[in-house]
Amino acid sequence: MTDDPASGTTDQDKVTLAQLQNKLSESQRRCLTIYAVCEESVETSQKLHRRCIQAERKLKTMTSLFLFSVLINLVLMGFCLHFIQRSPTPSPSIYIPERMIPHIDQVG
């Protein structure tokens, strides 16, 4: 039953040891595969994070420009309304020179 009387190992022990070594090798391969997938996931998430930060900056810039243009338009509209309200309303009459109407005294 004992192959090596000095060490005390049997054939069954050797089979069990070989099975455990196979399982260990398989576990190491799985761990390496999982590690590689995790590294790739981290790289992808870092790239996405950088792109999100860039998109956020662009959005802030565009929002700022939009609000600035709205502010400028409101100021210009305010000036226009202010000057329109202050200007005297022109009379609805039309100026016609006298030489254009020879008989102006007969009109009306």
Protein backbone atom coordinates (compact mmCIF):
# COMPACT_ATOMS: atom_id res chain seq x y z
CA MET A 1 0.00 0.00 0.00
CA THR A 2 2.83 2.37 0.72
CA ASP A 3 4.99 3.21 -2.27
CA ASP A 4 7.63 5.04 -0.34
CA PRO A 5 8.08 3.54 3.10
CA ALA A 6 10.37 6.38 4.19
CA SER A 7 7.85 9.15 3.47
CA GLY A 8 4.69 7.21 4.20
CA THR A 9 2.79 8.26 1.03
CA THR A 10 0.39 5.89 -0.68
CA ASP A 11 -0.90 5.77 -4.24
CA GLN A 12 -4.16 7.31 -3.02
CA ASP A 13 -2.20 10.19 -1.50
CA LYS A 14 -0.44 10.78 -4.82
CA VAL A 15 -3.76 10.76 -6.70
CA THR A 16 -5.26 13.20 -4.22
CA LEU A 17 -2.18 15.41 -4.46
CA ALA A 18 -2.37 15.41 -8.29
CA GLN A 19 -6.08 16.31 -8.16
CA LEU A 20 -5.37 19.17 -5.76
CA GLN A 21 -2.56 20.45 -7.98
CA ASN A 22 -4.91 20.36 -11.01
CA LYS A 23 -7.57 22.26 -9.08
CA LEU A 24 -4.95 24.77 -7.96
CA SER A 25 -3.76 25.29 -11.55
CA GLU A 26 -7.36 25.71 -12.73
CA SER A 27 -8.03 28.21 -9.94
CA GLN A 28 -4.89 30.15 -10.87
CA ARG A 29 -6.04 30.34 -14.51
CA ARG A 30 -9.46 31.55 -13.42
CA CYS A 31 -7.90 34.16 -11.14
CA LEU A 32 -5.66 35.41 -13.95
CA THR A 33 -8.63 35.61 -16.30
CA ILE A 34 -10.71 37.47 -13.72
CA TYR A 35 -7.78 39.81 -13.02
CA ALA A 36 -7.41 40.59 -16.73
CA VAL A 37 -11.14 41.29 -17.03
CA CYS A 38 -11.02 43.52 -13.96
CA GLU A 39 -8.06 45.48 -15.35
CA GLU A 40 -9.92 46.00 -18.62
CA SER A 41 -13.02 47.09 -16.72
CA VAL A 42 -11.01 49.62 -14.73
CA GLU A 43 -9.44 51.05 -17.90
CA THR A 44 -12.84 51.31 -19.56
CA SER A 45 -14.39 52.99 -16.54
CA GLN A 46 -11.50 55.48 -16.38
CA LYS A 47 -11.99 56.34 -20.06
CA LEU A 48 -15.73 56.80 -19.51
CA HIS A 49 -15.05 58.97 -16.48
CA ARG A 50 -12.74 61.23 -18.51
CA ARG A 51 -15.34 61.49 -21.28
CA CYS A 52 -18.04 62.36 -18.76
CA ILE A 53 -15.87 65.12 -17.30
CA GLN A 54 -15.24 66.51 -20.80
CA ALA A 55 -18.95 66.38 -21.61
CA GLU A 56 -19.77 68.12 -18.34
CA ARG A 57 -17.30 70.92 -19.14
CA LYS A 58 -18.76 71.35 -22.62
CA LEU A 59 -22.28 71.44 -21.19
CA LYS A 60 -21.29 74.07 -18.63
CA THR A 61 -19.64 76.17 -21.33
CA MET A 62 -22.62 75.92 -23.67
CA THR A 63 -25.04 76.71 -20.85
CA SER A 64 -22.98 79.74 -19.87
CA LEU A 65 -22.89 81.00 -23.45
CA PHE A 66 -26.63 80.46 -23.84
CA LEU A 67 -27.41 82.34 -20.62
CA PHE A 68 -25.04 85.15 -21.63
CA SER A 69 -26.75 85.49 -25.01
CA VAL A 70 -30.17 85.54 -23.31
CA LEU A 71 -28.92 88.27 -20.98
CA ILE A 72 -27.58 90.35 -23.89
CA ASN A 73 -30.86 89.93 -25.78
CA LEU A 74 -32.89 91.00 -22.75
CA VAL A 75 -30.71 94.08 -22.25
CA LEU A 76 -31.07 95.03 -25.92
CA MET A 77 -34.83 94.51 -25.78
CA GLY A 78 -34.97 96.66 -22.65
CA PHE A 79 -33.12 99.47 -24.42
CA CYS A 80 -35.40 99.19 -27.43
CA LEU A 81 -38.55 99.29 -25.31
CA HIS A 82 -37.18 102.18 -23.26
CA PHE A 83 -36.44 104.27 -26.34
CA ILE A 84 -39.75 103.34 -27.98
CA GLN A 85 -41.69 104.47 -24.92
CA ARG A 86 -39.74 107.72 -24.63
CA SER A 87 -40.03 108.72 -28.27
CA PRO A 88 -42.94 111.01 -29.14
CA THR A 89 -45.64 109.41 -31.17
CA PRO A 90 -45.73 110.90 -34.64
CA SER A 91 -48.96 112.43 -35.77
CA PRO A 92 -50.88 110.35 -38.26
CA SER A 93 -51.12 113.23 -40.73
CA ILE A 94 -49.16 113.15 -43.94
CA TYR A 95 -47.20 116.18 -45.05
CA ILE A 96 -48.12 117.33 -48.54
CA PRO A 97 -46.37 120.39 -49.93
CA GLU A 98 -48.63 123.20 -51.13
CA ARG A 99 -47.30 123.18 -54.64
CA MET A 100 -48.49 119.56 -54.97
CA ILE A 101 -52.06 120.67 -54.31
CA PRO A 102 -52.93 123.81 -56.29
CA HIS A 103 -56.37 124.26 -54.75
CA ILE A 104 -55.61 123.51 -51.08
CA ASP A 105 -58.03 126.16 -49.92
CA GLN A 106 -60.87 124.24 -51.52
CA VAL A 107 -60.10 120.98 -49.66
CA GLY A 108 -62.09 120.19 -46.61
